[in-house]
Amino acid sequence: MKKAALSGLALTASAVLLAGCGSAPEETTGGGAEADSDFLPCMISDEGGFDDKSFNQLGYEGLLAAGETLGVEPVTVESNDESEYAGNLSSLVDQNCNLIVTVGFKLAADANDAAEANPDIHFVSIDELVDVDGDGATDQDNIKPLVYDTAQAAFLGGYAAAAYSEAGKVGTFGGANIPTVTIFMDGFRQGVEYWNEQNDGDVQVVGWDGSDGVFTGAFAADQAAVNAAQGIVDQGVDVLLPVGGPIYQSAASVIRDSGREIALIGTDADVYESDPSVADLLLTSIQKGMDISVQETVEQAGDGEFDASPYIGTLENGGVSIAPFHDFEDKVPEGLQDELDEISAGIINGSIEVQSYLAE
């Protein structure tokens, strides 16, 4: 992934929308040799933990990579549920962290409070603008948002799913019904609809109708996730997209128990690489470049160049992408990758519109 600057966008609603056409993070120079020896980067996870092989883990890997470059040892704390957010943030403040990375949409309110109470500490918010007052701008000047228009990459995933499907039904379900989850589901549905338009098809999407769908209520590979996956599989789908960190593990278990040929689509990381135990099931993954953007932001802060301008990852700047087909390379229709490349170019040049809350 090309690295490009995370700076240069004003904290206004219009600038946030334009950020989708901006460049990806720029490679920093100087590294640890120029870093402040007192610089202490820290991170708090969302529920799911840093070993979820997906969302939290990507941010964690970016932080560790930055720490290695800067020659510092980051401090991290895991959250088991929402009740721990405020206390975990306070503990990092008490440990004299210079920069605190919060992983996830659900941390926004507590991150805003902590940033307001500690204006000398820099904060980085993954997946949330931290616009608690709803005016279209990040509420605190010491918070840098890292957000990702994953609808663009999910559009490609939906098109690929429809092209692959023989059942004429593909499914999706989410953890929590929040924008950073439904943005995947929106893009996926739009991609399926685009395939139908281009191929005179009638592939159906089960689990999300564009406004309502199937959610587990959390981000855990638990019985609720098993039940959600089972309910969709029972409707005859042959591709399944679970959106919500480790809930894909529950989906994988349901797929295996079904005895049917059902392809899985991963999210955030290339799950084929992050979790080989499900590699044989994976059609592809809808990726966020969280590790790269976190690493570059932390390194810039360590070099005294923190910039609170929001970053929005897009197909154009490499902040979102679709993973290779890996073991499914010989199973997808011939020429599908060429079609996806053409669609990606159309999304980038604006000739193909992908709707999402980040593009409104």
Protein backbone atom coordinates (compact mmCIF):
# COMPACT_ATOMS: atom_id res chain seq x y z
CA MET A 1 0.00 0.00 0.00
CA LYS A 2 1.31 3.42 -0.94
CA LYS A 3 1.88 5.62 2.07
CA ALA A 4 0.83 9.26 1.84
CA ALA A 5 0.24 12.21 4.15
CA LEU A 6 -2.62 12.10 6.61
CA SER A 7 -2.67 15.88 6.81
CA GLY A 8 -4.07 18.75 4.81
CA LEU A 9 -7.82 18.58 5.45
CA ALA A 10 -9.71 21.21 7.40
CA LEU A 11 -12.00 20.08 10.18
CA THR A 12 -15.22 21.02 8.44
CA ALA A 13 -18.01 18.90 7.06
CA SER A 14 -17.19 19.82 3.46
CA ALA A 15 -13.52 19.05 3.91
CA VAL A 16 -14.31 15.70 5.42
CA LEU A 17 -16.26 14.79 2.29
CA LEU A 18 -13.41 15.92 0.04
CA ALA A 19 -10.97 13.88 2.10
CA GLY A 20 -12.12 10.75 0.34
CA CYS A 21 -10.17 11.95 -2.70
CA GLY A 22 -7.07 12.80 -0.70
CA SER A 23 -3.80 10.95 -0.55
CA ALA A 24 -2.88 8.10 1.75
CA PRO A 25 -0.37 8.50 4.60
CA GLU A 26 3.06 9.78 3.67
CA GLU A 27 6.08 7.77 4.72
CA THR A 28 7.79 9.54 7.59
CA THR A 29 11.51 10.10 7.68
CA GLY A 30 13.73 10.40 10.68
CA GLY A 31 12.17 7.52 12.64
CA GLY A 32 13.38 6.80 16.12
CA ALA A 33 16.54 8.84 15.77
CA GLU A 34 14.51 12.05 15.83
CA ALA A 35 11.72 10.88 18.12
CA ASP A 36 11.26 12.45 21.50
CA SER A 37 12.65 9.93 24.00
CA ASP A 38 9.79 10.86 26.35
CA PHE A 39 7.11 10.15 23.75
CA LEU A 40 4.71 7.47 24.94
CA PRO A 41 2.03 6.22 22.49
CA CYS A 42 -0.88 4.25 23.95
CA MET A 43 -3.97 2.41 22.72
CA ILE A 44 -7.32 1.27 24.09
CA SER A 45 -9.20 -1.51 22.31
CA ASP A 46 -12.88 -1.92 21.68
CA GLU A 47 -14.51 -5.13 22.87
CA GLY A 48 -13.08 -8.07 20.99
CA GLY A 49 -9.48 -7.54 22.12
CA PHE A 50 -6.22 -7.15 20.26
CA ASP A 51 -6.17 -10.78 19.11
CA ASP A 52 -9.46 -10.63 17.17
CA LYS A 53 -7.53 -11.25 13.91
CA SER A 54 -9.43 -8.34 12.44
CA PHE A 55 -10.35 -4.82 13.53
CA ASN A 56 -8.60 -4.32 16.87
CA GLN A 57 -5.60 -6.37 15.80
CA LEU A 58 -4.91 -4.21 12.75
CA GLY A 59 -4.75 -1.05 14.86
CA TYR A 60 -2.57 -2.82 17.42
CA GLU A 61 -0.12 -3.99 14.76
CA GLY A 62 0.17 -0.45 13.43
CA LEU A 63 0.92 0.87 16.92
CA LEU A 64 3.59 -1.76 17.56
CA ALA A 65 5.23 -1.05 14.19
CA ALA A 66 5.36 2.65 15.02
CA GLY A 67 6.80 1.93 18.46
CA GLU A 68 9.56 -0.13 16.88
CA THR A 69 10.41 2.66 14.44
CA LEU A 70 10.43 5.27 17.18
CA GLY A 71 12.28 3.10 19.66
CA VAL A 72 9.55 3.28 22.31
CA GLU A 73 7.39 0.70 24.09
CA PRO A 74 3.67 1.50 23.64
CA VAL A 75 1.19 0.98 26.45
CA THR A 76 -2.04 -0.85 25.58
CA VAL A 77 -5.20 -1.74 27.46
CA GLU A 78 -8.04 -4.01 26.35
CA SER A 79 -11.74 -3.36 26.91
CA ASN A 80 -14.10 -6.25 27.55
CA ASP A 81 -17.23 -4.11 27.26
CA GLU A 82 -18.40 -0.50 27.06
CA SER A 83 -18.43 -0.01 30.82
CA GLU A 84 -14.62 -0.15 30.83
CA TYR A 85 -13.95 2.60 28.27
CA ALA A 86 -13.84 5.60 30.60
CA GLY A 87 -11.76 3.83 33.23
CA ASN A 88 -9.29 2.50 30.69
CA LEU A 89 -8.85 5.95 29.19
CA SER A 90 -8.24 7.41 32.65
CA SER A 91 -5.61 4.78 33.32
CA LEU A 92 -3.73 5.75 30.16
CA VAL A 93 -3.89 9.43 31.06
CA ASP A 94 -2.49 8.57 34.49
CA GLN A 95 0.41 6.74 32.84
CA ASN A 96 1.45 9.98 31.12
CA CYS A 97 0.65 8.89 27.58
CA ASN A 98 1.40 11.59 25.01
CA LEU A 99 -0.86 10.08 22.37
CA ILE A 100 -3.85 7.77 22.92
CA VAL A 101 -5.36 5.76 20.07
CA THR A 102 -8.97 4.68 20.59
CA VAL A 103 -10.11 1.74 18.46
CA GLY A 104 -13.73 1.89 17.42
CA PHE A 105 -16.87 3.92 16.91
CA LYS A 106 -18.27 3.07 20.33
CA LEU A 107 -15.40 4.81 22.14
CA ALA A 108 -16.24 8.20 20.62
CA ALA A 109 -18.11 9.79 23.53
CA ASP A 110 -15.55 8.74 26.14
CA ALA A 111 -12.68 9.75 23.85
CA ASN A 112 -14.25 13.17 23.40
CA ASP A 113 -14.55 13.63 27.17
CA ALA A 114 -10.97 12.53 27.76
CA ALA A 115 -9.62 14.79 25.02
CA GLU A 116 -11.55 17.77 26.32
CA ALA A 117 -10.28 17.19 29.86
CA ASN A 118 -6.69 16.68 28.66
CA PRO A 119 -5.96 19.21 25.89
CA ASP A 120 -2.21 18.58 26.08
CA ILE A 121 -2.63 14.92 25.10
CA HIS A 122 -3.10 13.98 21.44
CA PHE A 123 -5.81 11.46 20.56
CA VAL A 124 -6.33 9.34 17.45
CA SER A 125 -9.82 7.94 16.85
CA ILE A 126 -10.08 4.90 14.59
CA ASP A 127 -13.39 4.63 12.72
CA GLU A 128 -15.05 7.71 14.18
CA LEU A 129 -14.95 11.45 13.52
CA VAL A 130 -15.83 12.08 17.20
CA ASP A 131 -18.54 14.54 16.23
CA VAL A 132 -20.62 14.15 19.36
CA ASP A 133 -22.47 17.43 18.86
CA GLY A 134 -23.40 16.52 15.28
CA ASP A 135 -22.12 19.64 13.53
CA GLY A 136 -20.05 17.72 10.98
CA ALA A 137 -16.66 18.41 12.55
CA THR A 138 -14.49 16.67 15.13
CA ASP A 139 -15.32 18.25 18.48
CA GLN A 140 -11.83 18.57 19.96
CA ASP A 141 -8.77 20.07 18.29
CA ASN A 142 -6.50 17.39 19.80
CA ILE A 143 -8.31 14.44 18.16
CA LYS A 144 -7.29 13.07 14.75
CA PRO A 145 -9.94 10.83 13.13
CA LEU A 146 -8.92 7.90 10.95
CA VAL A 147 -12.04 6.76 9.09
CA TYR A 148 -12.54 4.52 6.08
CA ASP A 149 -15.11 4.60 3.29
CA THR A 150 -15.35 0.83 3.23
CA ALA A 151 -18.54 0.98 1.17
CA GLN A 152 -16.27 1.42 -1.85
CA ALA A 153 -14.34 -1.81 -1.22
CA ALA A 154 -17.50 -3.62 -0.09
CA PHE A 155 -19.10 -2.68 -3.43
CA LEU A 156 -16.38 -4.75 -5.10
CA GLY A 157 -16.98 -7.54 -2.60
CA GLY A 158 -20.70 -7.55 -3.32
CA TYR A 159 -20.11 -7.65 -7.07
CA ALA A 160 -17.70 -10.57 -6.63
CA ALA A 161 -20.17 -12.39 -4.37
CA ALA A 162 -22.98 -12.04 -6.91
CA ALA A 163 -20.71 -13.17 -9.74
CA TYR A 164 -19.63 -16.23 -7.74
CA SER A 165 -23.05 -17.21 -6.39
CA GLU A 166 -24.82 -20.15 -7.97
CA ALA A 167 -27.69 -20.10 -5.49
CA GLY A 168 -28.70 -16.56 -6.44
CA LYS A 169 -28.64 -15.64 -2.74
CA VAL A 170 -25.87 -14.02 -0.71
CA GLY A 171 -26.05 -12.98 2.94
CA THR A 172 -24.64 -10.54 5.45
CA PHE A 173 -25.07 -9.76 9.13
CA GLY A 174 -23.44 -7.39 11.58
CA GLY A 175 -22.36 -6.97 15.15
CA ALA A 176 -23.90 -3.67 16.23
CA ASN A 177 -26.24 -1.61 14.07
CA ILE A 178 -23.87 1.35 13.79
CA PRO A 179 -22.57 3.26 10.75
CA THR A 180 -19.11 1.68 10.75
CA VAL A 181 -20.76 -1.74 10.43
CA THR A 182 -23.60 -0.92 8.07
CA ILE A 183 -21.20 0.90 5.71
CA PHE A 184 -19.87 -2.56 4.75
CA MET A 185 -23.39 -3.91 4.33
CA ASP A 186 -24.48 -0.90 2.27
CA GLY A 187 -21.56 -1.23 -0.12
CA PHE A 188 -22.02 -4.99 -0.36
CA ARG A 189 -25.68 -4.62 -1.27
CA GLN A 190 -24.93 -1.93 -3.85
CA GLY A 191 -22.29 -4.15 -5.44
CA VAL A 192 -24.76 -7.02 -5.76
CA GLU A 193 -27.34 -4.67 -7.28
CA TYR A 194 -24.75 -3.38 -9.75
CA TRP A 195 -23.91 -6.94 -10.81
CA ASN A 196 -27.63 -7.57 -11.36
CA GLU A 197 -27.89 -4.44 -13.50
CA GLN A 198 -24.85 -5.28 -15.59
CA ASN A 199 -25.71 -8.95 -16.05
CA ASP A 200 -29.51 -8.95 -16.10
CA GLY A 201 -29.33 -10.97 -12.88
CA ASP A 202 -31.51 -11.40 -9.82
CA VAL A 203 -29.13 -12.24 -6.97
CA GLN A 204 -30.80 -11.51 -3.63
CA VAL A 205 -29.20 -10.13 -0.47
CA VAL A 206 -30.33 -11.74 2.78
CA GLY A 207 -29.72 -10.00 6.12
CA TRP A 208 -29.71 -6.33 5.06
CA ASP A 209 -32.30 -4.45 3.04
CA GLY A 210 -30.55 -1.08 3.13
CA SER A 211 -32.21 0.12 6.32
CA ASP A 212 -32.79 -2.93 8.51
CA GLY A 213 -31.16 -6.30 8.93
CA VAL A 214 -29.64 -8.98 11.14
CA PHE A 215 -27.34 -7.94 14.02
CA THR A 216 -25.93 -9.79 17.01
CA GLY A 217 -25.80 -6.70 19.23
CA ALA A 218 -22.09 -7.10 20.04
CA PHE A 219 -18.69 -8.00 18.62
CA ALA A 220 -18.09 -11.47 19.98
CA ALA A 221 -17.91 -14.95 18.47
CA ASP A 222 -20.75 -16.13 20.70
CA GLN A 223 -24.06 -17.96 20.45
CA ALA A 224 -25.79 -14.82 19.20
CA ALA A 225 -23.37 -14.73 16.25
CA VAL A 226 -23.93 -18.44 15.62
CA ASN A 227 -27.70 -17.92 15.64
CA ALA A 228 -27.47 -14.97 13.25
CA ALA A 229 -25.27 -16.88 10.82
CA GLN A 230 -27.45 -19.98 11.04
CA GLY A 231 -30.59 -18.01 10.28
CA ILE A 232 -29.05 -16.63 7.11
CA VAL A 233 -27.46 -19.90 6.00
CA ASP A 234 -30.82 -21.62 6.43
CA GLN A 235 -32.22 -19.30 3.77
CA GLY A 236 -30.01 -20.87 1.12
CA VAL A 237 -27.18 -18.37 0.64
CA ASP A 238 -23.85 -19.54 -0.77
CA VAL A 239 -21.82 -16.44 0.19
CA LEU A 240 -21.78 -14.92 3.68
CA LEU A 241 -20.33 -11.58 4.87
CA PRO A 242 -20.20 -11.19 8.69
CA VAL A 243 -19.26 -7.64 9.75
CA GLY A 244 -17.98 -7.20 13.28
CA GLY A 245 -14.51 -8.38 14.19
CA PRO A 246 -14.45 -11.98 15.47
CA ILE A 247 -18.08 -12.81 14.60
CA TYR A 248 -16.72 -14.27 11.36
CA GLN A 249 -15.45 -17.19 13.47
CA SER A 250 -19.03 -18.08 14.40
CA ALA A 251 -20.04 -17.78 10.76
CA ALA A 252 -17.22 -20.13 9.75
CA SER A 253 -18.38 -22.76 12.25
CA VAL A 254 -21.93 -22.58 10.90
CA ILE A 255 -20.66 -22.91 7.32
CA ARG A 256 -18.61 -26.00 8.21
CA ASP A 257 -21.52 -27.59 10.06
CA SER A 258 -23.84 -26.97 7.10
CA GLY A 259 -21.97 -29.40 4.87
CA ARG A 260 -22.60 -27.03 1.94
CA GLU A 261 -20.29 -25.05 -0.32
CA ILE A 262 -20.64 -21.59 1.23
CA ALA A 263 -17.98 -18.93 0.75
CA LEU A 264 -17.01 -16.55 3.53
CA ILE A 265 -16.00 -12.90 3.06
CA GLY A 266 -13.71 -11.38 5.68
CA THR A 267 -13.53 -7.79 6.87
CA ASP A 268 -10.88 -5.28 7.95
CA ALA A 269 -7.80 -7.51 7.50
CA ASP A 270 -7.06 -10.02 4.76
CA VAL A 271 -8.45 -12.79 6.96
CA TYR A 272 -6.84 -15.42 4.72
CA GLU A 273 -3.52 -14.17 6.10
CA SER A 274 -4.60 -13.21 9.63
CA ASP A 275 -6.50 -16.43 10.38
CA PRO A 276 -5.37 -19.43 8.29
CA SER A 277 -7.90 -21.65 10.11
CA VAL A 278 -10.65 -20.26 7.86
CA ALA A 279 -8.52 -19.67 4.75
CA ASP A 280 -10.19 -22.45 2.78
CA LEU A 281 -13.58 -20.75 3.18
CA LEU A 282 -12.58 -17.25 2.09
CA LEU A 283 -13.71 -15.85 -1.23
CA THR A 284 -11.99 -12.54 -0.40
CA SER A 285 -11.82 -9.88 2.34
CA ILE A 286 -12.90 -6.24 2.44
CA GLN A 287 -9.87 -4.47 3.87
CA LYS A 288 -9.12 -1.30 5.79
CA GLY A 289 -5.54 -0.03 5.84
CA MET A 290 -5.78 0.65 9.55
CA ASP A 291 -2.34 -0.70 10.36
CA ILE A 292 -0.65 1.63 7.89
CA SER A 293 -2.61 4.76 8.82
CA VAL A 294 -2.14 4.14 12.55
CA GLN A 295 1.57 3.52 12.12
CA GLU A 296 2.11 6.68 10.09
CA THR A 297 0.03 8.84 12.43
CA VAL A 298 1.86 7.63 15.53
CA GLU A 299 5.26 8.06 13.87
CA GLN A 300 4.38 11.59 12.83
CA ALA A 301 3.28 12.41 16.37
CA GLY A 302 6.50 10.91 17.74
CA ASP A 303 8.47 13.15 15.41
CA GLY A 304 6.57 16.19 16.70
CA GLU A 305 4.36 16.47 13.60
CA PHE A 306 0.91 15.56 14.93
CA ASP A 307 -1.81 16.85 12.60
CA ALA A 308 -5.43 16.61 13.70
CA SER A 309 -6.86 16.84 10.17
CA PRO A 310 -9.18 13.91 9.43
CA TYR A 311 -8.07 11.07 7.17
CA ILE A 312 -10.60 9.14 5.10
CA GLY A 313 -9.39 5.93 3.49
CA THR A 314 -10.70 5.31 -0.03
CA LEU A 315 -9.95 3.11 -3.02
CA GLU A 316 -8.10 6.03 -4.56
CA ASN A 317 -5.65 6.55 -1.71
CA GLY A 318 -5.36 2.86 -0.85
CA GLY A 319 -7.05 3.21 2.53
CA VAL A 320 -9.61 0.54 1.60
CA SER A 321 -9.24 -2.38 -0.78
CA ILE A 322 -10.34 -5.90 -1.61
CA ALA A 323 -8.06 -8.85 -0.92
CA PRO A 324 -6.99 -11.41 -3.56
CA PHE A 325 -9.17 -14.46 -4.17
CA HIS A 326 -6.40 -16.76 -2.95
CA ASP A 327 -7.73 -20.35 -2.98
CA PHE A 328 -10.84 -19.23 -4.87
CA GLU A 329 -8.82 -17.92 -7.82
CA ASP A 330 -9.86 -20.89 -9.95
CA LYS A 331 -13.44 -20.90 -8.63
CA VAL A 332 -14.54 -17.38 -9.59
CA PRO A 333 -15.75 -16.61 -13.13
CA GLU A 334 -13.05 -15.99 -15.71
CA GLY A 335 -12.39 -12.28 -16.18
CA LEU A 336 -13.91 -11.28 -12.82
CA GLN A 337 -10.74 -9.58 -11.64
CA ASP A 338 -10.64 -7.46 -14.81
CA GLU A 339 -14.24 -6.44 -14.17
CA LEU A 340 -13.42 -5.48 -10.59
CA ASP A 341 -10.44 -3.42 -11.76
CA GLU A 342 -12.69 -1.57 -14.19
CA ILE A 343 -15.32 -0.97 -11.50
CA SER A 344 -12.68 0.27 -9.08
CA ALA A 345 -11.50 2.77 -11.69
CA GLY A 346 -15.10 3.89 -12.17
CA ILE A 347 -15.58 4.41 -8.44
CA ILE A 348 -12.38 6.43 -8.28
CA ASN A 349 -13.24 8.65 -11.26
CA GLY A 350 -16.84 9.09 -10.08
CA SER A 351 -18.58 7.40 -12.98
CA ILE A 352 -19.84 4.71 -10.58
CA GLU A 353 -21.44 6.17 -7.48
CA VAL A 354 -21.19 4.37 -4.15
CA GLN A 355 -23.40 5.76 -1.40
CA SER A 356 -22.26 5.81 2.21
CA TYR A 357 -22.55 8.07 5.24
CA LEU A 358 -19.00 9.30 4.49
CA ALA A 359 -19.96 10.33 0.96
CA GLU A 360 -23.18 12.19 1.77
